[in-house]
N, C-alpha and C. Protein backbone atom coordinates (compact mmCIF):
# COMPACT_ATOMS: atom_id res chain seq x y z
N MET A 1 -20.86 -2.00 14.86
CA MET A 1 -19.82 -1.02 14.55
C MET A 1 -20.21 -0.29 13.26
N ARG A 2 -20.06 1.02 13.29
CA ARG A 2 -20.35 1.82 12.09
C ARG A 2 -19.31 1.56 11.02
N LYS A 3 -19.74 1.61 9.79
CA LYS A 3 -18.86 1.37 8.65
C LYS A 3 -18.41 2.70 8.06
N MET A 4 -17.24 2.65 7.43
CA MET A 4 -16.69 3.82 6.76
C MET A 4 -16.41 3.45 5.30
N PRO A 5 -16.96 4.20 4.34
CA PRO A 5 -16.67 3.91 2.94
C PRO A 5 -15.20 4.21 2.62
N ILE A 6 -14.60 3.35 1.81
CA ILE A 6 -13.23 3.57 1.35
C ILE A 6 -13.17 3.29 -0.15
N GLU A 7 -12.42 4.10 -0.83
CA GLU A 7 -12.16 3.91 -2.25
C GLU A 7 -10.66 4.00 -2.46
N ILE A 8 -10.09 2.97 -3.11
CA ILE A 8 -8.65 2.92 -3.39
C ILE A 8 -8.48 2.95 -4.90
N VAL A 9 -7.80 3.99 -5.39
CA VAL A 9 -7.61 4.14 -6.83
C VAL A 9 -6.15 4.39 -7.15
N THR A 10 -5.77 4.00 -8.35
CA THR A 10 -4.45 4.28 -8.90
C THR A 10 -4.68 5.09 -10.19
N PRO A 11 -3.64 5.58 -10.82
CA PRO A 11 -3.85 6.27 -12.10
C PRO A 11 -4.51 5.38 -13.16
N GLU A 12 -4.39 4.07 -13.02
CA GLU A 12 -4.91 3.15 -14.02
C GLU A 12 -6.32 2.62 -13.75
N ARG A 13 -6.67 2.48 -12.43
CA ARG A 13 -7.93 1.79 -12.15
C ARG A 13 -8.38 1.99 -10.71
N LYS A 14 -9.63 1.58 -10.47
CA LYS A 14 -10.16 1.50 -9.11
C LYS A 14 -9.84 0.11 -8.60
N VAL A 15 -9.09 0.02 -7.50
CA VAL A 15 -8.64 -1.26 -6.96
C VAL A 15 -9.66 -1.85 -5.99
N TYR A 16 -10.29 -0.98 -5.19
CA TYR A 16 -11.19 -1.48 -4.15
C TYR A 16 -12.16 -0.38 -3.78
N GLU A 17 -13.41 -0.78 -3.52
CA GLU A 17 -14.42 0.15 -3.01
C GLU A 17 -15.42 -0.63 -2.18
N ASN A 18 -15.61 -0.20 -0.94
CA ASN A 18 -16.54 -0.87 -0.04
C ASN A 18 -16.64 -0.03 1.24
N ALA A 19 -17.51 -0.43 2.13
CA ALA A 19 -17.58 0.17 3.46
C ALA A 19 -16.96 -0.84 4.42
N VAL A 20 -16.06 -0.37 5.29
CA VAL A 20 -15.32 -1.26 6.20
C VAL A 20 -15.42 -0.76 7.64
N ASP A 21 -15.04 -1.65 8.56
CA ASP A 21 -15.08 -1.32 9.99
C ASP A 21 -13.84 -0.52 10.42
N LEU A 22 -12.67 -0.90 9.88
CA LEU A 22 -11.41 -0.32 10.34
C LEU A 22 -10.42 -0.29 9.19
N ILE A 23 -9.65 0.78 9.11
CA ILE A 23 -8.59 0.92 8.12
C ILE A 23 -7.29 1.14 8.89
N ILE A 24 -6.26 0.36 8.55
CA ILE A 24 -4.95 0.53 9.17
C ILE A 24 -3.97 0.83 8.05
N ALA A 25 -3.33 2.00 8.13
CA ALA A 25 -2.44 2.46 7.06
C ALA A 25 -1.13 2.96 7.65
N ARG A 26 -0.07 2.85 6.88
CA ARG A 26 1.24 3.38 7.28
C ARG A 26 1.42 4.73 6.58
N GLY A 27 1.21 5.79 7.34
CA GLY A 27 1.36 7.14 6.81
C GLY A 27 2.78 7.63 6.94
N GLY A 28 3.02 8.82 6.42
CA GLY A 28 4.35 9.41 6.46
C GLY A 28 4.85 9.63 7.88
N ASP A 29 3.95 9.81 8.85
CA ASP A 29 4.34 10.05 10.24
C ASP A 29 4.08 8.85 11.15
N GLY A 30 3.77 7.68 10.57
CA GLY A 30 3.52 6.50 11.37
C GLY A 30 2.22 5.83 11.00
N ASP A 31 1.86 4.82 11.77
CA ASP A 31 0.65 4.05 11.49
C ASP A 31 -0.59 4.80 11.94
N LEU A 32 -1.67 4.61 11.18
CA LEU A 32 -2.97 5.21 11.49
C LEU A 32 -4.01 4.12 11.59
N GLY A 33 -4.87 4.21 12.57
CA GLY A 33 -6.06 3.38 12.66
C GLY A 33 -7.26 4.29 12.46
N ILE A 34 -8.09 3.97 11.48
CA ILE A 34 -9.19 4.87 11.12
C ILE A 34 -10.52 4.14 11.26
N LEU A 35 -11.39 4.71 12.09
CA LEU A 35 -12.75 4.22 12.27
C LEU A 35 -13.72 5.26 11.73
N ALA A 36 -14.97 4.88 11.54
CA ALA A 36 -16.01 5.84 11.15
C ALA A 36 -16.03 6.98 12.16
N GLY A 37 -16.15 8.20 11.68
CA GLY A 37 -16.17 9.37 12.56
C GLY A 37 -14.80 9.94 12.85
N HIS A 38 -13.75 9.37 12.25
CA HIS A 38 -12.38 9.86 12.45
C HIS A 38 -12.29 11.32 12.00
N THR A 39 -11.45 12.08 12.65
CA THR A 39 -11.24 13.47 12.27
C THR A 39 -10.66 13.53 10.85
N GLN A 40 -10.92 14.63 10.17
CA GLN A 40 -10.41 14.79 8.81
C GLN A 40 -8.89 14.89 8.83
N VAL A 41 -8.27 14.21 7.87
CA VAL A 41 -6.82 14.21 7.79
C VAL A 41 -6.40 13.87 6.36
N VAL A 42 -5.26 14.38 5.97
CA VAL A 42 -4.61 13.99 4.71
C VAL A 42 -3.18 13.62 5.07
N THR A 43 -2.72 12.48 4.58
CA THR A 43 -1.35 12.04 4.85
C THR A 43 -0.78 11.35 3.63
N THR A 44 0.53 11.35 3.55
CA THR A 44 1.19 10.54 2.53
C THR A 44 1.16 9.10 3.00
N LEU A 45 1.29 8.19 2.05
CA LEU A 45 1.37 6.77 2.37
C LEU A 45 2.76 6.26 2.01
N LYS A 46 3.31 5.43 2.87
CA LYS A 46 4.58 4.78 2.58
C LYS A 46 4.31 3.50 1.80
N VAL A 47 5.34 2.95 1.19
CA VAL A 47 5.24 1.63 0.58
C VAL A 47 4.93 0.67 1.73
N SER A 48 3.75 0.06 1.69
CA SER A 48 3.30 -0.75 2.82
C SER A 48 2.08 -1.56 2.44
N GLN A 49 1.53 -2.22 3.44
CA GLN A 49 0.31 -2.98 3.27
C GLN A 49 -0.83 -2.25 3.97
N LEU A 50 -1.84 -1.90 3.21
CA LEU A 50 -3.03 -1.24 3.73
C LEU A 50 -3.97 -2.35 4.18
N ARG A 51 -4.35 -2.32 5.47
CA ARG A 51 -5.19 -3.37 6.03
C ARG A 51 -6.59 -2.84 6.27
N LEU A 52 -7.57 -3.59 5.79
CA LEU A 52 -8.98 -3.24 5.94
C LEU A 52 -9.66 -4.36 6.70
N LYS A 53 -10.37 -4.01 7.77
CA LYS A 53 -11.10 -5.01 8.56
C LYS A 53 -12.58 -4.79 8.31
N ASN A 54 -13.28 -5.90 8.00
CA ASN A 54 -14.69 -5.80 7.69
C ASN A 54 -15.40 -7.08 8.10
N ASP A 55 -16.30 -6.97 9.06
CA ASP A 55 -17.09 -8.12 9.53
C ASP A 55 -16.21 -9.31 9.89
N GLY A 56 -15.12 -9.07 10.60
CA GLY A 56 -14.24 -10.14 11.05
C GLY A 56 -13.25 -10.63 10.00
N GLN A 57 -13.34 -10.13 8.80
CA GLN A 57 -12.40 -10.50 7.73
C GLN A 57 -11.38 -9.39 7.55
N GLU A 58 -10.19 -9.76 7.07
CA GLU A 58 -9.16 -8.76 6.79
C GLU A 58 -8.81 -8.81 5.31
N ILE A 59 -8.85 -7.65 4.67
CA ILE A 59 -8.43 -7.49 3.29
C ILE A 59 -7.13 -6.70 3.34
N VAL A 60 -6.10 -7.21 2.66
CA VAL A 60 -4.81 -6.53 2.68
C VAL A 60 -4.44 -6.18 1.26
N ILE A 61 -4.00 -4.94 1.07
CA ILE A 61 -3.67 -4.43 -0.26
C ILE A 61 -2.27 -3.83 -0.21
N ALA A 62 -1.42 -4.23 -1.15
CA ALA A 62 -0.07 -3.65 -1.25
C ALA A 62 -0.20 -2.29 -1.92
N VAL A 63 0.32 -1.25 -1.26
CA VAL A 63 0.33 0.09 -1.86
C VAL A 63 1.77 0.56 -2.00
N SER A 64 2.01 1.26 -3.08
CA SER A 64 3.36 1.78 -3.35
C SER A 64 3.34 3.29 -3.28
N GLY A 65 3.09 3.79 -2.10
CA GLY A 65 3.06 5.24 -1.89
C GLY A 65 1.77 5.85 -2.38
N GLY A 66 1.61 7.12 -2.09
CA GLY A 66 0.42 7.85 -2.49
C GLY A 66 -0.09 8.71 -1.34
N PHE A 67 -1.40 8.94 -1.35
CA PHE A 67 -2.04 9.79 -0.35
C PHE A 67 -3.30 9.13 0.17
N LEU A 68 -3.61 9.41 1.43
CA LEU A 68 -4.83 8.96 2.06
C LEU A 68 -5.53 10.19 2.61
N GLU A 69 -6.83 10.32 2.31
CA GLU A 69 -7.61 11.45 2.80
C GLU A 69 -8.85 10.93 3.52
N VAL A 70 -9.03 11.39 4.76
CA VAL A 70 -10.22 11.06 5.54
C VAL A 70 -11.12 12.27 5.54
N LYS A 71 -12.36 12.07 5.08
CA LYS A 71 -13.39 13.11 5.08
C LYS A 71 -14.61 12.55 5.80
N PRO A 72 -15.56 13.39 6.19
CA PRO A 72 -16.74 12.87 6.88
C PRO A 72 -17.49 11.80 6.07
N GLU A 73 -17.47 11.92 4.75
CA GLU A 73 -18.21 10.97 3.92
C GLU A 73 -17.43 9.70 3.57
N GLY A 74 -16.15 9.64 3.95
CA GLY A 74 -15.39 8.41 3.69
C GLY A 74 -13.90 8.66 3.51
N VAL A 75 -13.20 7.61 3.11
CA VAL A 75 -11.75 7.64 2.95
C VAL A 75 -11.41 7.42 1.48
N SER A 76 -10.50 8.23 0.98
CA SER A 76 -9.99 8.07 -0.38
C SER A 76 -8.51 7.78 -0.31
N VAL A 77 -8.07 6.76 -1.04
CA VAL A 77 -6.65 6.45 -1.17
C VAL A 77 -6.29 6.63 -2.63
N LEU A 78 -5.34 7.51 -2.88
CA LEU A 78 -4.81 7.73 -4.22
C LEU A 78 -3.40 7.17 -4.21
N ALA A 79 -3.26 5.97 -4.73
CA ALA A 79 -1.98 5.26 -4.65
C ALA A 79 -1.26 5.29 -5.99
N GLU A 80 0.07 5.35 -5.92
CA GLU A 80 0.87 5.24 -7.14
C GLU A 80 0.62 3.89 -7.79
N ALA A 81 0.55 2.85 -6.98
CA ALA A 81 0.20 1.49 -7.41
C ALA A 81 -0.43 0.79 -6.23
N ALA A 82 -1.36 -0.13 -6.50
CA ALA A 82 -2.01 -0.91 -5.45
C ALA A 82 -2.44 -2.25 -6.03
N GLU A 83 -2.23 -3.31 -5.26
CA GLU A 83 -2.56 -4.65 -5.73
C GLU A 83 -3.10 -5.50 -4.60
N LEU A 84 -4.11 -6.29 -4.93
CA LEU A 84 -4.59 -7.33 -4.02
C LEU A 84 -3.64 -8.52 -4.12
N PRO A 85 -3.57 -9.35 -3.08
CA PRO A 85 -2.61 -10.46 -3.08
C PRO A 85 -2.69 -11.36 -4.31
N GLU A 86 -3.91 -11.66 -4.75
CA GLU A 86 -4.08 -12.56 -5.88
C GLU A 86 -3.66 -11.94 -7.22
N GLU A 87 -3.44 -10.64 -7.25
CA GLU A 87 -3.01 -9.97 -8.48
C GLU A 87 -1.49 -9.90 -8.62
N ILE A 88 -0.77 -10.24 -7.58
CA ILE A 88 0.69 -10.08 -7.57
C ILE A 88 1.36 -11.26 -8.26
N ASP A 89 2.22 -10.94 -9.21
CA ASP A 89 3.04 -11.94 -9.89
C ASP A 89 4.34 -12.06 -9.09
N VAL A 90 4.44 -13.13 -8.29
CA VAL A 90 5.58 -13.29 -7.38
C VAL A 90 6.89 -13.42 -8.15
N ALA A 91 6.89 -14.13 -9.26
CA ALA A 91 8.12 -14.28 -10.06
C ALA A 91 8.60 -12.92 -10.56
N ARG A 92 7.69 -12.10 -11.03
CA ARG A 92 8.05 -10.76 -11.51
C ARG A 92 8.57 -9.90 -10.36
N ALA A 93 7.90 -9.97 -9.21
CA ALA A 93 8.33 -9.20 -8.04
C ALA A 93 9.72 -9.65 -7.59
N THR A 94 9.98 -10.94 -7.66
CA THR A 94 11.29 -11.48 -7.27
C THR A 94 12.38 -10.97 -8.22
N ARG A 95 12.08 -10.93 -9.51
CA ARG A 95 13.05 -10.38 -10.47
C ARG A 95 13.31 -8.90 -10.20
N SER A 96 12.26 -8.16 -9.86
CA SER A 96 12.41 -6.73 -9.53
C SER A 96 13.29 -6.56 -8.29
N LYS A 97 13.08 -7.43 -7.31
CA LYS A 97 13.89 -7.38 -6.09
C LYS A 97 15.36 -7.64 -6.41
N GLU A 98 15.63 -8.64 -7.22
CA GLU A 98 17.01 -8.96 -7.59
C GLU A 98 17.68 -7.83 -8.37
N ARG A 99 16.94 -7.20 -9.28
CA ARG A 99 17.49 -6.05 -10.03
C ARG A 99 17.82 -4.89 -9.09
N ALA A 100 16.91 -4.61 -8.16
CA ALA A 100 17.13 -3.51 -7.22
C ALA A 100 18.33 -3.79 -6.33
N GLU A 101 18.47 -5.02 -5.85
CA GLU A 101 19.62 -5.38 -5.02
C GLU A 101 20.92 -5.24 -5.81
N LYS A 102 20.89 -5.64 -7.06
CA LYS A 102 22.08 -5.53 -7.91
C LYS A 102 22.46 -4.06 -8.10
N ARG A 103 21.46 -3.21 -8.34
CA ARG A 103 21.74 -1.77 -8.50
C ARG A 103 22.30 -1.17 -7.21
N LEU A 104 21.79 -1.60 -6.08
CA LEU A 104 22.28 -1.08 -4.80
C LEU A 104 23.72 -1.53 -4.51
N ASN A 105 24.06 -2.71 -4.99
CA ASN A 105 25.43 -3.21 -4.79
C ASN A 105 26.41 -2.62 -5.79
N ASP A 106 25.90 -1.98 -6.83
CA ASP A 106 26.75 -1.33 -7.83
C ASP A 106 27.28 -0.03 -7.21
N LYS A 107 28.57 0.07 -7.07
CA LYS A 107 29.17 1.22 -6.39
C LYS A 107 29.44 2.40 -7.33
N SER A 108 29.04 2.30 -8.59
CA SER A 108 29.31 3.41 -9.51
C SER A 108 28.44 4.61 -9.15
N ASP A 109 28.91 5.76 -9.49
CA ASP A 109 28.19 6.99 -9.18
C ASP A 109 26.93 7.15 -10.01
N SER A 110 26.81 6.39 -11.09
CA SER A 110 25.65 6.55 -11.97
C SER A 110 24.38 5.90 -11.40
N THR A 111 24.51 5.09 -10.36
CA THR A 111 23.35 4.42 -9.79
C THR A 111 22.54 5.40 -8.95
N ASP A 112 21.25 5.45 -9.22
CA ASP A 112 20.33 6.26 -8.43
C ASP A 112 19.90 5.40 -7.23
N HIS A 113 20.61 5.55 -6.12
CA HIS A 113 20.39 4.68 -4.96
C HIS A 113 19.01 4.85 -4.36
N ARG A 114 18.49 6.06 -4.31
CA ARG A 114 17.15 6.27 -3.72
C ARG A 114 16.10 5.54 -4.55
N ARG A 115 16.21 5.62 -5.86
CA ARG A 115 15.26 4.93 -6.73
C ARG A 115 15.37 3.41 -6.56
N ALA A 116 16.59 2.89 -6.44
CA ALA A 116 16.80 1.46 -6.24
C ALA A 116 16.24 1.03 -4.88
N GLU A 117 16.41 1.86 -3.85
CA GLU A 117 15.87 1.53 -2.52
C GLU A 117 14.35 1.45 -2.56
N LEU A 118 13.71 2.38 -3.27
CA LEU A 118 12.25 2.35 -3.39
C LEU A 118 11.78 1.13 -4.17
N ALA A 119 12.49 0.79 -5.25
CA ALA A 119 12.14 -0.40 -6.02
C ALA A 119 12.27 -1.66 -5.17
N LEU A 120 13.31 -1.72 -4.35
CA LEU A 120 13.50 -2.86 -3.46
C LEU A 120 12.37 -2.94 -2.43
N ALA A 121 12.01 -1.82 -1.84
CA ALA A 121 10.92 -1.79 -0.85
C ALA A 121 9.60 -2.23 -1.49
N ARG A 122 9.31 -1.77 -2.70
CA ARG A 122 8.07 -2.17 -3.38
C ARG A 122 8.07 -3.68 -3.64
N ALA A 123 9.18 -4.20 -4.12
CA ALA A 123 9.26 -5.64 -4.42
C ALA A 123 9.09 -6.48 -3.16
N ILE A 124 9.77 -6.10 -2.09
CA ILE A 124 9.65 -6.85 -0.82
C ILE A 124 8.22 -6.79 -0.30
N ASN A 125 7.59 -5.64 -0.38
CA ASN A 125 6.20 -5.48 0.07
C ASN A 125 5.27 -6.40 -0.73
N ARG A 126 5.44 -6.43 -2.04
CA ARG A 126 4.59 -7.26 -2.90
C ARG A 126 4.82 -8.75 -2.61
N ILE A 127 6.08 -9.16 -2.50
CA ILE A 127 6.39 -10.57 -2.23
C ILE A 127 5.82 -10.98 -0.88
N SER A 128 6.00 -10.14 0.12
CA SER A 128 5.51 -10.43 1.47
C SER A 128 4.00 -10.64 1.47
N LEU A 129 3.27 -9.75 0.81
CA LEU A 129 1.81 -9.87 0.79
C LEU A 129 1.37 -11.12 0.03
N ALA A 130 1.99 -11.37 -1.11
CA ALA A 130 1.57 -12.50 -1.94
C ALA A 130 1.89 -13.86 -1.33
N THR A 131 2.90 -13.92 -0.48
CA THR A 131 3.32 -15.22 0.06
C THR A 131 2.86 -15.45 1.49
N THR A 132 2.20 -14.49 2.11
CA THR A 132 1.70 -14.65 3.48
C THR A 132 0.35 -15.34 3.46
N LYS A 133 0.21 -16.36 4.26
CA LYS A 133 -1.08 -17.07 4.39
C LYS A 133 -2.01 -16.23 5.24
N ARG A 134 -3.21 -16.03 4.78
CA ARG A 134 -4.21 -15.25 5.53
C ARG A 134 -5.44 -16.09 5.76
């Protein structure tokens, strides 16, 4: 199987760079499966788990939104945040989840519900990735 180079970066750092067999991403319009030779595309990324398959192994990275671009020379992911499972602090993510749930349950008009929903989605995504056996 032909390999496709992928680079995953955030504003702070390069999270991952390698050539892989398959990329599975949750874009703004649904899930994408990307193989070498895929047509060029640019899509937004939802808060989700980016799955990379390489030589029978699966690498999973938590992404908190951003963009994915497929070009003939490879795939670039520009993520707001991205973490490998071993980098996730589950206790911190759990506290973030609890804060977001508390804000969503607050019925005052001052609560930014969309922001709280996104924080909750990010926390759940991080906890799910960090606690799933692979």
